[in-house]
Structure formats: C-alpha cells, structure tokens
Amino acid sequence: MSQMKGKLYLISKFAEKVYSEADLSTDEDHYFLFGREDKGLPEDFMREHPEKALRIPMNDEHVRSLNVSNTVCMIVYEALRQQNFAGLELVHTYEADKLK
C-alpha cells in the first residue's frame, strides 16, 4: 500500500488549533477528515493525532454541532482563499448580468 502524500487534517470541535491558523497555501495536497454531526471523529483516533486537529470556533452553549456540508464548505474555501483561488475565476461576466 502506498503512503499518502500531503497533509491530513482532522476537523473537530475538540481541537485546540483554529482552522484559519493552518497554512493551507502550500502546493502539497491537503486532506480533511470530518466526523459525524452527532459524534464527530472517534475519541481514540483524535487522541492519537491531536497535532492534526483543527477546529471551527463556536460556542457550545448555543451550538451543539454544525452541518457537515457547511463545515466542509468553510474549510475548503479557506484552503482556496489561502491559495488565492487558484484555477477559479475571480471575475466573470454573464450575458444577462442583472447587476449591470
């Protein structure tokens, strides 16, 4: 079995490092592992790899968990932002642009 190249990040509300503090601007591959909305990633696995864990700041008093698809969107777009949205159109003109 070949070794995965790149960096693995575990997304969890129990992590100490905030996702925006991670350097996602590098050319290497970045992999993000998300857990279930109700339970997150397995505790034993998280304890074995705390250095890979990233969190989205939130207040447990008001929010128990975030929808996984929304969480994925936040993390992936942070990586794209740090990479200056490489490969994406920053400006696009539409024929029927309603704002012009």
PDB file of N, CA and C in Angstrom:
ATOM      1  N   MET A   1       0.846  -1.177   0.000  1.00  0.00           N
ATOM      2  CA  MET A   1       0.000   0.000   0.000  1.00  0.00           C
ATOM      3  C   MET A   1       0.893   1.243   0.000  1.00  0.00           C
ATOM      4  N   SER A   2       0.607   2.210  -0.870  1.00  0.00           N
ATOM      5  CA  SER A   2       1.444   3.408  -0.958  1.00  0.00           C
ATOM      6  C   SER A   2       1.105   4.390   0.151  1.00  0.00           C
ATOM      7  N   GLN A   3       2.086   5.183   0.490  1.00  0.00           N
ATOM      8  CA  GLN A   3       1.953   6.190   1.533  1.00  0.00           C
ATOM      9  C   GLN A   3       1.242   7.418   0.961  1.00  0.00           C
ATOM     10  N   MET A   4       0.305   7.983   1.715  1.00  0.00           N
ATOM     11  CA  MET A   4      -0.392   9.190   1.298  1.00  0.00           C
ATOM     12  C   MET A   4       0.586  10.358   1.334  1.00  0.00           C
ATOM     13  N   LYS A   5       0.623  11.148   0.274  1.00  0.00           N
ATOM     14  CA  LYS A   5       1.483  12.329   0.245  1.00  0.00           C
ATOM     15  C   LYS A   5       0.620  13.549   0.497  1.00  0.00           C
ATOM     16  N   GLY A   6       1.104  14.440   1.328  1.00  0.00           N
ATOM     17  CA  GLY A   6       0.353  15.634   1.675  1.00  0.00           C
ATOM     18  C   GLY A   6       0.080  15.661   3.160  1.00  0.00           C
ATOM     19  N   LYS A   7      -0.830  16.530   3.555  1.00  0.00           N
ATOM     20  CA  LYS A   7      -1.161  16.695   4.969  1.00  0.00           C
ATOM     21  C   LYS A   7      -2.605  16.305   5.233  1.00  0.00           C
ATOM     22  N   LEU A   8      -2.792  15.615   6.344  1.00  0.00           N
ATOM     23  CA  LEU A   8      -4.124  15.225   6.793  1.00  0.00           C
ATOM     24  C   LEU A   8      -4.526  16.125   7.951  1.00  0.00           C
ATOM     25  N   TYR A   9      -5.742  16.625   7.894  1.00  0.00           N
ATOM     26  CA  TYR A   9      -6.292  17.448   8.976  1.00  0.00           C
ATOM     27  C   TYR A   9      -7.573  16.791   9.482  1.00  0.00           C
ATOM     28  N   LEU A  10      -7.713  16.746  10.774  1.00  0.00           N
ATOM     29  CA  LEU A  10      -8.907  16.204  11.418  1.00  0.00           C
ATOM     30  C   LEU A  10      -9.736  17.388  11.897  1.00  0.00           C
ATOM     31  N   ILE A  11     -10.950  17.481  11.435  1.00  0.00           N
ATOM     32  CA  ILE A  11     -11.794  18.618  11.789  1.00  0.00           C
ATOM     33  C   ILE A  11     -12.679  18.217  12.963  1.00  0.00           C
ATOM     34  N   SER A  12     -12.506  18.946  14.068  1.00  0.00           N
ATOM     35  CA  SER A  12     -13.210  18.584  15.305  1.00  0.00           C
ATOM     36  C   SER A  12     -13.406  19.803  16.192  1.00  0.00           C
ATOM     37  N   LYS A  13     -14.531  19.862  16.887  1.00  0.00           N
ATOM     38  CA  LYS A  13     -14.737  20.955  17.831  1.00  0.00           C
ATOM     39  C   LYS A  13     -13.872  20.784  19.087  1.00  0.00           C
ATOM     40  N   PHE A  14     -13.218  19.649  19.218  1.00  0.00           N
ATOM     41  CA  PHE A  14     -12.360  19.401  20.372  1.00  0.00           C
ATOM     42  C   PHE A  14     -10.900  19.774  20.113  1.00  0.00           C
ATOM     43  N   ALA A  15     -10.591  20.215  18.911  1.00  0.00           N
ATOM     44  CA  ALA A  15      -9.217  20.606  18.579  1.00  0.00           C
ATOM     45  C   ALA A  15      -8.863  21.920  19.248  1.00  0.00           C
ATOM     46  N   GLU A  16      -7.568  22.165  19.414  1.00  0.00           N
ATOM     47  CA  GLU A  16      -7.106  23.417  20.014  1.00  0.00           C
ATOM     48  C   GLU A  16      -6.738  24.461  18.968  1.00  0.00           C
ATOM     49  N   LYS A  17      -6.312  24.022  17.789  1.00  0.00           N
ATOM     50  CA  LYS A  17      -5.864  24.950  16.744  1.00  0.00           C
ATOM     51  C   LYS A  17      -7.043  25.314  15.834  1.00  0.00           C
ATOM     52  N   VAL A  18      -7.212  26.600  15.582  1.00  0.00           N
ATOM     53  CA  VAL A  18      -8.288  27.087  14.722  1.00  0.00           C
ATOM     54  C   VAL A  18      -7.914  26.855  13.252  1.00  0.00           C
ATOM     55  N   TYR A  19      -8.883  26.471  12.450  1.00  0.00           N
ATOM     56  CA  TYR A  19      -8.621  26.109  11.044  1.00  0.00           C
ATOM     57  C   TYR A  19      -7.939  27.222  10.266  1.00  0.00           C
ATOM     58  N   SER A  20      -8.219  28.467  10.572  1.00  0.00           N
ATOM     59  CA  SER A  20      -7.624  29.580   9.830  1.00  0.00           C
ATOM     60  C   SER A  20      -6.152  29.798  10.190  1.00  0.00           C
ATOM     61  N   GLU A  21      -5.670  29.134  11.237  1.00  0.00           N
ATOM     62  CA  GLU A  21      -4.252  29.224  11.625  1.00  0.00           C
ATOM     63  C   GLU A  21      -3.393  28.229  10.849  1.00  0.00           C
ATOM     64  N   ALA A  22      -4.000  27.254  10.216  1.00  0.00           N
ATOM     65  CA  ALA A  22      -3.255  26.252   9.459  1.00  0.00           C
ATOM     66  C   ALA A  22      -2.770  26.866   8.146  1.00  0.00           C
ATOM     67  N   ASP A  23      -1.556  26.527   7.739  1.00  0.00           N
ATOM     68  CA  ASP A  23      -1.017  27.003   6.468  1.00  0.00           C
ATOM     69  C   ASP A  23      -1.466  26.056   5.367  1.00  0.00           C
ATOM     70  N   LEU A  24      -2.501  26.469   4.662  1.00  0.00           N
ATOM     71  CA  LEU A  24      -3.065  25.666   3.584  1.00  0.00           C
ATOM     72  C   LEU A  24      -2.655  26.214   2.221  1.00  0.00           C
ATOM     73  N   SER A  25      -1.678  27.109   2.221  1.00  0.00           N
ATOM     74  CA  SER A  25      -1.270  27.785   0.986  1.00  0.00           C
ATOM     75  C   SER A  25      -0.226  27.006   0.192  1.00  0.00           C
ATOM     76  N   THR A  26       0.275  25.946   0.737  1.00  0.00           N
ATOM     77  CA  THR A  26       1.353  25.196   0.084  1.00  0.00           C
ATOM     78  C   THR A  26       0.832  24.384  -1.104  1.00  0.00           C
ATOM     79  N   ASP A  27       1.744  23.990  -1.979  1.00  0.00           N
ATOM     80  CA  ASP A  27       1.380  23.218  -3.172  1.00  0.00           C
ATOM     81  C   ASP A  27       1.075  21.755  -2.867  1.00  0.00           C
ATOM     82  N   GLU A  28       1.391  21.304  -1.667  1.00  0.00           N
ATOM     83  CA  GLU A  28       1.133  19.900  -1.351  1.00  0.00           C
ATOM     84  C   GLU A  28      -0.370  19.652  -1.228  1.00  0.00           C
ATOM     85  N   ASP A  29      -0.748  18.401  -1.288  1.00  0.00           N
ATOM     86  CA  ASP A  29      -2.159  18.036  -1.153  1.00  0.00           C
ATOM     87  C   ASP A  29      -2.585  18.175   0.301  1.00  0.00           C
ATOM     88  N   HIS A  30      -3.809  18.629   0.498  1.00  0.00           N
ATOM     89  CA  HIS A  30      -4.391  18.762   1.833  1.00  0.00           C
ATOM     90  C   HIS A  30      -5.630  17.881   1.884  1.00  0.00           C
ATOM     91  N   TYR A  31      -5.701  17.034   2.904  1.00  0.00           N
ATOM     92  CA  TYR A  31      -6.831  16.128   3.091  1.00  0.00           C
ATOM     93  C   TYR A  31      -7.522  16.494   4.398  1.00  0.00           C
ATOM     94  N   PHE A  32      -8.838  16.546   4.369  1.00  0.00           N
ATOM     95  CA  PHE A  32      -9.615  16.909   5.549  1.00  0.00           C
ATOM     96  C   PHE A  32     -10.544  15.750   5.890  1.00  0.00           C
ATOM     97  N   LEU A  33     -10.521  15.343   7.141  1.00  0.00           N
ATOM     98  CA  LEU A  33     -11.373  14.253   7.602  1.00  0.00           C
ATOM     99  C   LEU A  33     -12.403  14.837   8.568  1.00  0.00           C
ATOM    100  N   PHE A  34     -13.668  14.606   8.262  1.00  0.00           N
ATOM    101  CA  PHE A  34     -14.774  15.121   9.060  1.00  0.00           C
ATOM    102  C   PHE A  34     -15.510  13.957   9.701  1.00  0.00           C
ATOM    103  N   GLY A  35     -15.997  14.170  10.893  1.00  0.00           N
ATOM    104  CA  GLY A  35     -16.769  13.140  11.576  1.00  0.00           C
ATOM    105  C   GLY A  35     -18.256  13.357  11.394  1.00  0.00           C
ATOM    106  N   ARG A  36     -19.017  12.518  12.035  1.00  0.00           N
ATOM    107  CA  ARG A  36     -20.480  12.635  12.004  1.00  0.00           C
ATOM    108  C   ARG A  36     -20.905  13.888  12.759  1.00  0.00           C
ATOM    109  N   GLU A  37     -22.048  14.435  12.373  1.00  0.00           N
ATOM    110  CA  GLU A  37     -22.552  15.632  13.041  1.00  0.00           C
ATOM    111  C   GLU A  37     -22.834  15.388  14.518  1.00  0.00           C
ATOM    112  N   ASP A  38     -23.318  14.220  14.851  1.00  0.00           N
ATOM    113  CA  ASP A  38     -23.719  13.961  16.236  1.00  0.00           C
ATOM    114  C   ASP A  38     -22.581  13.495  17.138  1.00  0.00           C
ATOM    115  N   LYS A  39     -21.543  12.864  16.562  1.00  0.00           N
ATOM    116  CA  LYS A  39     -20.483  12.297  17.402  1.00  0.00           C
ATOM    117  C   LYS A  39     -19.089  12.765  17.035  1.00  0.00           C
ATOM    118  N   GLY A  40     -18.923  13.322  15.858  1.00  0.00           N
ATOM    119  CA  GLY A  40     -17.590  13.725  15.422  1.00  0.00           C
ATOM    120  C   GLY A  40     -16.731  12.514  15.096  1.00  0.00           C
ATOM    121  N   LEU A  41     -15.426  12.728  15.117  1.00  0.00           N
ATOM    122  CA  LEU A  41     -14.472  11.638  14.875  1.00  0.00           C
ATOM    123  C   LEU A  41     -14.292  10.822  16.151  1.00  0.00           C
ATOM    124  N   PRO A  42     -13.893   9.562  16.046  1.00  0.00           N
ATOM    125  CA  PRO A  42     -13.716   8.732  17.234  1.00  0.00           C
ATOM    126  C   PRO A  42     -12.684   9.325  18.199  1.00  0.00           C
ATOM    127  N   GLU A  43     -13.011   9.318  19.477  1.00  0.00           N
ATOM    128  CA  GLU A  43     -12.151   9.916  20.504  1.00  0.00           C
ATOM    129  C   GLU A  43     -10.758   9.296  20.522  1.00  0.00           C
ATOM    130  N   ASP A  44     -10.661   7.975  20.447  1.00  0.00           N
ATOM    131  CA  ASP A  44      -9.346   7.310  20.468  1.00  0.00           C
ATOM    132  C   ASP A  44      -8.476   7.789  19.310  1.00  0.00           C
ATOM    133  N   PHE A  45      -9.065   7.901  18.135  1.00  0.00           N
ATOM    134  CA  PHE A  45      -8.337   8.365  16.950  1.00  0.00           C
ATOM    135  C   PHE A  45      -7.866   9.805  17.136  1.00  0.00           C
ATOM    136  N   MET A  46      -8.729  10.644  17.686  1.00  0.00           N
ATOM    137  CA  MET A  46      -8.368  12.049  17.925  1.00  0.00           C
ATOM    138  C   MET A  46      -7.224  12.152  18.940  1.00  0.00           C
ATOM    139  N   ARG A  47      -7.261  11.341  19.974  1.00  0.00           N
ATOM    140  CA  ARG A  47      -6.200  11.372  20.993  1.00  0.00           C
ATOM    141  C   ARG A  47      -4.856  10.908  20.429  1.00  0.00           C
ATOM    142  N   GLU A  48      -4.878  10.049  19.421  1.00  0.00           N
ATOM    143  CA  GLU A  48      -3.643   9.576  18.788  1.00  0.00           C
ATOM    144  C   GLU A  48      -3.026  10.627  17.863  1.00  0.00           C
ATOM    145  N   HIS A  49      -3.840  11.588  17.385  1.00  0.00           N
ATOM    146  CA  HIS A  49      -3.370  12.550  16.386  1.00  0.00           C
ATOM    147  C   HIS A  49      -3.789  13.991  16.699  1.00  0.00           C
ATOM    148  N   PRO A  50      -3.571  14.486  17.909  1.00  0.00           N
ATOM    149  CA  PRO A  50      -4.040  15.840  18.236  1.00  0.00           C
ATOM    150  C   PRO A  50      -3.350  16.934  17.417  1.00  0.00           C
ATOM    151  N   GLU A  51      -2.136  16.679  16.938  1.00  0.00           N
ATOM    152  CA  GLU A  51      -1.394  17.678  16.162  1.00  0.00           C
ATOM    153  C   GLU A  51      -2.005  17.914  14.784  1.00  0.00           C
ATOM    154  N   LYS A  52      -2.887  17.027  14.350  1.00  0.00           N
ATOM    155  CA  LYS A  52      -3.530  17.149  13.030  1.00  0.00           C
ATOM    156  C   LYS A  52      -4.912  17.784  13.129  1.00  0.00           C
ATOM    157  N   ALA A  53      -5.363  18.059  14.330  1.00  0.00           N
ATOM    158  CA  ALA A  53      -6.738  18.503  14.542  1.00  0.00           C
ATOM    159  C   ALA A  53      -6.897  20.017  14.377  1.00  0.00           C
ATOM    160  N   LEU A  54      -7.981  20.395  13.704  1.00  0.00           N
ATOM    161  CA  LEU A  54      -8.348  21.801  13.501  1.00  0.00           C
ATOM    162  C   LEU A  54      -9.799  21.984  13.927  1.00  0.00           C
ATOM    163  N   ARG A  55     -10.110  23.161  14.440  1.00  0.00           N
ATOM    164  CA  ARG A  55     -11.477  23.431  14.864  1.00  0.00           C
ATOM    165  C   ARG A  55     -12.025  24.700  14.240  1.00  0.00           C
ATOM    166  N   ILE A  56     -13.338  24.766  14.147  1.00  0.00           N
ATOM    167  CA  ILE A  56     -14.052  25.979  13.766  1.00  0.00           C
ATOM    168  C   ILE A  56     -14.530  26.592  15.076  1.00  0.00           C
ATOM    169  N   PRO A  57     -14.161  27.842  15.348  1.00  0.00           N
ATOM    170  CA  PRO A  57     -14.584  28.446  16.618  1.00  0.00           C
ATOM    171  C   PRO A  57     -16.109  28.484  16.737  1.00  0.00           C
ATOM    172  N   MET A  58     -16.592  28.060  17.869  1.00  0.00           N
ATOM    173  CA  MET A  58     -18.027  28.114  18.149  1.00  0.00           C
ATOM    174  C   MET A  58     -18.258  28.058  19.651  1.00  0.00           C
ATOM    175  N   ASN A  59     -19.454  28.344  20.050  1.00  0.00           N
ATOM    176  CA  ASN A  59     -19.825  28.401  21.450  1.00  0.00           C
ATOM    177  C   ASN A  59     -20.764  27.238  21.740  1.00  0.00           C
ATOM    178  N   ASP A  60     -20.307  26.278  22.528  1.00  0.00           N
ATOM    179  CA  ASP A  60     -21.124  25.093  22.828  1.00  0.00           C
ATOM    180  C   ASP A  60     -22.421  25.431  23.551  1.00  0.00           C
ATOM    181  N   GLU A  61     -22.480  26.591  24.165  1.00  0.00           N
ATOM    182  CA  GLU A  61     -23.695  26.982  24.869  1.00  0.00           C
ATOM    183  C   GLU A  61     -24.851  27.190  23.890  1.00  0.00           C
ATOM    184  N   HIS A  62     -24.510  27.635  22.664  1.00  0.00           N
ATOM    185  CA  HIS A  62     -25.544  27.956  21.687  1.00  0.00           C
ATOM    186  C   HIS A  62     -25.569  27.015  20.476  1.00  0.00           C
ATOM    187  N   VAL A  63     -24.456  26.326  20.207  1.00  0.00           N
ATOM    188  CA  VAL A  63     -24.362  25.463  19.029  1.00  0.00           C
ATOM    189  C   VAL A  63     -23.773  24.118  19.440  1.00  0.00           C
ATOM    190  N   ARG A  64     -24.530  23.050  19.243  1.00  0.00           N
ATOM    191  CA  ARG A  64     -24.038  21.710  19.575  1.00  0.00           C
ATOM    192  C   ARG A  64     -23.118  21.188  18.489  1.00  0.00           C
ATOM    193  N   SER A  65     -23.505  21.399  17.228  1.00  0.00           N
ATOM    194  CA  SER A  65     -22.707  20.934  16.102  1.00  0.00           C
ATOM    195  C   SER A  65     -23.077  21.747  14.869  1.00  0.00           C
ATOM    196  N   LEU A  66     -22.255  21.630  13.850  1.00  0.00           N
ATOM    197  CA  LEU A  66     -22.533  22.276  12.570  1.00  0.00           C
ATOM    198  C   LEU A  66     -22.854  21.214  11.537  1.00  0.00           C
ATOM    199  N   ASN A  67     -23.657  21.557  10.563  1.00  0.00           N
ATOM    200  CA  ASN A  67     -23.960  20.675   9.453  1.00  0.00           C
ATOM    201  C   ASN A  67     -22.653  20.341   8.746  1.00  0.00           C
ATOM    202  N   VAL A  68     -22.429  19.073   8.437  1.00  0.00           N
ATOM    203  CA  VAL A  68     -21.158  18.642   7.841  1.00  0.00           C
ATOM    204  C   VAL A  68     -20.902  19.333   6.508  1.00  0.00           C
ATOM    205  N   SER A  69     -21.918  19.465   5.669  1.00  0.00           N
ATOM    206  CA  SER A  69     -21.690  20.100   4.365  1.00  0.00           C
ATOM    207  C   SER A  69     -21.295  21.561   4.531  1.00  0.00           C
ATOM    208  N   ASN A  70     -21.856  22.255   5.511  1.00  0.00           N
ATOM    209  CA  ASN A  70     -21.455  23.642   5.775  1.00  0.00           C
ATOM    210  C   ASN A  70     -20.026  23.706   6.307  1.00  0.00           C
ATOM    211  N   THR A  71     -19.667  22.750   7.134  1.00  0.00           N
ATOM    212  CA  THR A  71     -18.320  22.686   7.682  1.00  0.00           C
ATOM    213  C   THR A  71     -17.298  22.430   6.575  1.00  0.00           C
ATOM    214  N   VAL A  72     -17.614  21.509   5.682  1.00  0.00           N
ATOM    215  CA  VAL A  72     -16.732  21.220   4.548  1.00  0.00           C
ATOM    216  C   VAL A  72     -16.541  22.486   3.721  1.00  0.00           C
ATOM    217  N   CYS A  73     -17.618  23.179   3.450  1.00  0.00           N
ATOM    218  CA  CYS A  73     -17.549  24.410   2.663  1.00  0.00           C
ATOM    219  C   CYS A  73     -16.613  25.422   3.313  1.00  0.00           C
ATOM    220  N   MET A  74     -16.740  25.630   4.607  1.00  0.00           N
ATOM    221  CA  MET A  74     -15.891  26.598   5.313  1.00  0.00           C
ATOM    222  C   MET A  74     -14.415  26.234   5.195  1.00  0.00           C
ATOM    223  N   ILE A  75     -14.093  24.988   5.424  1.00  0.00           N
ATOM    224  CA  ILE A  75     -12.692  24.550   5.421  1.00  0.00           C
ATOM    225  C   ILE A  75     -12.106  24.578   4.008  1.00  0.00           C
ATOM    226  N   VAL A  76     -12.847  24.058   3.037  1.00  0.00           N
ATOM    227  CA  VAL A  76     -12.343  24.016   1.659  1.00  0.00           C
ATOM    228  C   VAL A  76     -12.156  25.429   1.119  1.00  0.00           C
ATOM    229  N   TYR A  77     -13.097  26.322   1.379  1.00  0.00           N
ATOM    230  CA  TYR A  77     -12.940  27.682   0.868  1.00  0.00           C
ATOM    231  C   TYR A  77     -11.853  28.449   1.598  1.00  0.00           C
ATOM    232  N   GLU A  78     -11.555  28.104   2.825  1.00  0.00           N
ATOM    233  CA  GLU A  78     -10.385  28.705   3.492  1.00  0.00           C
ATOM    234  C   GLU A  78      -9.113  28.263   2.790  1.00  0.00           C
ATOM    235  N   ALA A  79      -9.035  26.984   2.432  1.00  0.00           N
ATOM    236  CA  ALA A  79      -7.858  26.499   1.694  1.00  0.00           C
ATOM    237  C   ALA A  79      -7.760  27.202   0.341  1.00  0.00           C
ATOM    238  N   LEU A  80      -8.867  27.313  -0.370  1.00  0.00           N
ATOM    239  CA  LEU A  80      -8.860  28.006  -1.659  1.00  0.00           C
ATOM    240  C   LEU A  80      -8.472  29.474  -1.500  1.00  0.00           C
ATOM    241  N   ARG A  81      -8.974  30.132  -0.470  1.00  0.00           N
ATOM    242  CA  ARG A  81      -8.627  31.535  -0.214  1.00  0.00           C
ATOM    243  C   ARG A  81      -7.129  31.686  -0.004  1.00  0.00           C
ATOM    244  N   GLN A  82      -6.567  30.797   0.827  1.00  0.00           N
ATOM    245  CA  GLN A  82      -5.128  30.873   1.104  1.00  0.00           C
ATOM    246  C   GLN A  82      -4.302  30.594  -0.153  1.00  0.00           C
ATOM    247  N   GLN A  83      -4.874  29.886  -1.109  1.00  0.00           N
ATOM    248  CA  GLN A  83      -4.182  29.579  -2.363  1.00  0.00           C
ATOM    249  C   GLN A  83      -4.578  30.564  -3.462  1.00  0.00           C
ATOM    250  N   ASN A  84      -5.139  31.710  -3.046  1.00  0.00           N
ATOM    251  CA  ASN A  84      -5.565  32.762  -3.977  1.00  0.00           C
ATOM    252  C   ASN A  84      -6.550  32.249  -5.029  1.00  0.00           C
ATOM    253  N   PHE A  85      -7.382  31.300  -4.651  1.00  0.00           N
ATOM    254  CA  PHE A  85      -8.416  30.728  -5.521  1.00  0.00           C
ATOM    255  C   PHE A  85      -7.830  30.235  -6.843  1.00  0.00           C
ATOM    256  N   ALA A  86      -6.686  29.576  -6.752  1.00  0.00           N
ATOM    257  CA  ALA A  86      -6.002  29.057  -7.948  1.00  0.00           C
ATOM    258  C   ALA A  86      -6.946  28.202  -8.785  1.00  0.00           C
ATOM    259  N   GLY A  87      -6.979  28.469 -10.086  1.00  0.00           N
ATOM    260  CA  GLY A  87      -7.801  27.704 -11.004  1.00  0.00           C
ATOM    261  C   GLY A  87      -9.252  28.138 -11.058  1.00  0.00           C
ATOM    262  N   LEU A  88      -9.629  29.119 -10.251  1.00  0.00           N
ATOM    263  CA  LEU A  88     -11.016  29.604 -10.247  1.00  0.00           C
ATOM    264  C   LEU A  88     -11.083  31.006 -10.850  1.00  0.00           C
ATOM    265  N   GLU A  89     -12.213  31.352 -11.430  1.00  0.00           N
ATOM    266  CA  GLU A  89     -12.405  32.686 -11.977  1.00  0.00           C
ATOM    267  C   GLU A  89     -12.705  33.659 -10.845  1.00  0.00           C
ATOM    268  N   LEU A  90     -11.898  34.692 -10.715  1.00  0.00           N
ATOM    269  CA  LEU A  90     -12.174  35.714  -9.714  1.00  0.00           C
ATOM    270  C   LEU A  90     -13.196  36.720 -10.239  1.00  0.00           C
ATOM    271  N   VAL A  91     -13.237  36.885 -11.559  1.00  0.00           N
ATOM    272  CA  VAL A  91     -14.195  37.779 -12.203  1.00  0.00           C
ATOM    273  C   VAL A  91     -14.793  37.037 -13.389  1.00  0.00           C
ATOM    274  N   HIS A  92     -16.077  37.175 -13.555  1.00  0.00           N
ATOM    275  CA  HIS A  92     -16.739  36.562 -14.704  1.00  0.00           C
ATOM    276  C   HIS A  92     -17.874  37.487 -15.123  1.00  0.00           C
ATOM    277  N   THR A  93     -18.047  37.682 -16.407  1.00  0.00           N
ATOM    278  CA  THR A  93     -19.135  38.499 -16.927  1.00  0.00           C
ATOM    279  C   THR A  93     -20.171  37.584 -17.563  1.00  0.00           C
ATOM    280  N   TYR A  94     -21.397  37.757 -17.166  1.00  0.00           N
ATOM    281  CA  TYR A  94     -22.503  36.976 -17.696  1.00  0.00           C
ATOM    282  C   TYR A  94     -23.269  37.812 -18.718  1.00  0.00           C
ATOM    283  N   GLU A  95     -23.781  37.164 -19.764  1.00  0.00           N
ATOM    284  CA  GLU A  95     -24.539  37.890 -20.788  1.00  0.00           C
ATOM    285  C   GLU A  95     -25.723  38.631 -20.187  1.00  0.00           C
ATOM    286  N   ALA A  96     -26.454  37.974 -19.350  1.00  0.00           N
ATOM    287  CA  ALA A  96     -27.643  38.579 -18.734  1.00  0.00           C
ATOM    288  C   ALA A  96     -27.336  38.984 -17.301  1.00  0.00           C
ATOM    289  N   ASP A  97     -26.288  39.779 -17.115  1.00  0.00           N
ATOM    290  CA  ASP A  97     -25.882  40.203 -15.777  1.00  0.00           C
ATOM    291  C   ASP A  97     -26.927  41.147 -15.201  1.00  0.00           C
ATOM    292  N   LYS A  98     -27.597  40.741 -14.164  1.00  0.00           N
ATOM    293  CA  LYS A  98     -28.680  41.521 -13.573  1.00  0.00           C
ATOM    294  C   LYS A  98     -28.180  42.732 -12.792  1.00  0.00           C
ATOM    295  N   LEU A  99     -26.882  42.795 -12.536  1.00  0.00           N
ATOM    296  CA  LEU A  99     -26.338  43.902 -11.753  1.00  0.00           C
ATOM    297  C   LEU A  99     -25.782  45.021 -12.628  1.00  0.00           C
ATOM    298  N   LYS A 100     -25.855  44.851 -13.942  1.00  0.00           N
ATOM    299  CA  LYS A 100     -25.322  45.886 -14.847  1.00  0.00           C
ATOM    300  C   LYS A 100     -26.411  46.539 -15.625  1.00  0.00           C
TER     301      LYS A 100
END
